[in-house]
Amino acid sequence: MIKQSGDPIRVLDIPNIEGASVSIGIAIRKGNPELKAAMQKALDGMMADGTYETIATKWIGRDIR
């Protein structure tokens, strides 16, 4: 959708450094507290029931929290 909107986006290369800490976020448009709350609720649920760890382990190889 960003490509379609023409809004600028910057993709960063993240170096693969063992033991390094990297902060990653999800961008949402300002002024949409309902979407923010829904996304946070879903993420909290995934962390509580183990889904987040399962996905991280499958794709990253470890829990990334």
Protein backbone atom coordinates (compact mmCIF):
# COMPACT_ATOMS: atom_id res chain seq x y z
CA MET A 1 0.00 0.00 0.00
CA ILE A 2 2.88 2.40 0.63
CA LYS A 3 4.13 1.92 -2.91
CA GLN A 4 0.66 2.73 -4.19
CA SER A 5 0.31 5.85 -2.01
CA GLY A 6 3.66 7.31 -3.00
CA ASP A 7 4.54 8.01 0.65
CA PRO A 8 8.29 7.82 1.27
CA ILE A 9 9.61 4.74 3.03
CA ARG A 10 13.13 3.81 4.00
CA VAL A 11 14.21 0.19 4.29
CA LEU A 12 17.19 -0.41 6.53
CA ASP A 13 19.72 -3.20 6.27
CA ILE A 14 20.18 -4.72 9.71
CA PRO A 15 23.60 -6.28 10.27
CA ASN A 16 23.61 -9.86 11.50
CA ILE A 17 25.64 -9.49 14.69
CA GLU A 18 25.37 -12.33 17.20
CA GLY A 19 23.96 -11.07 20.49
CA ALA A 20 23.13 -7.61 19.10
CA SER A 21 19.91 -5.92 20.12
CA VAL A 22 17.68 -4.51 17.37
CA SER A 23 14.43 -2.64 17.95
CA ILE A 24 11.76 -3.27 15.34
CA GLY A 25 8.34 -1.67 15.17
CA ILE A 26 5.18 -1.57 13.13
CA ALA A 27 4.25 1.74 11.55
CA ILE A 28 0.65 2.91 11.64
CA ARG A 29 -0.80 6.26 10.67
CA LYS A 30 -1.22 8.77 13.50
CA GLY A 31 -4.75 9.46 14.64
CA ASN A 32 -5.97 5.86 14.56
CA PRO A 33 -6.09 4.80 18.22
CA GLU A 34 -8.53 1.96 17.48
CA LEU A 35 -6.07 0.28 15.11
CA LYS A 36 -3.21 0.81 17.56
CA ALA A 37 -5.23 -0.73 20.40
CA ALA A 38 -6.32 -3.69 18.25
CA MET A 39 -2.75 -4.39 17.14
CA GLN A 40 -1.45 -4.14 20.71
CA LYS A 41 -4.18 -6.48 21.96
CA ALA A 42 -3.31 -9.04 19.27
CA LEU A 43 0.41 -8.80 20.03
CA ASP A 44 -0.19 -9.12 23.79
CA GLY A 45 -2.32 -12.21 23.14
CA MET A 46 0.37 -13.75 20.95
CA MET A 47 2.97 -13.20 23.65
CA ALA A 48 0.70 -14.61 26.35
CA ASP A 49 -0.23 -17.81 24.50
CA GLY A 50 3.22 -18.56 23.06
CA THR A 51 2.41 -17.79 19.42
CA TYR A 52 4.98 -14.98 19.28
CA GLU A 53 7.77 -17.25 20.52
CA THR A 54 6.73 -20.02 18.11
CA ILE A 55 6.86 -17.68 15.11
CA ALA A 56 10.15 -16.10 16.20
CA THR A 57 11.76 -19.49 16.74
CA LYS A 58 10.58 -20.74 13.36
CA TRP A 59 11.75 -17.73 11.35
CA ILE A 60 14.57 -16.22 13.44
CA GLY A 61 15.81 -19.30 15.25
CA ARG A 62 15.20 -17.98 18.77
CA ASP A 63 12.87 -15.90 20.93
CA ILE A 64 13.58 -12.26 20.04
CA ARG A 65 11.87 -10.48 22.93
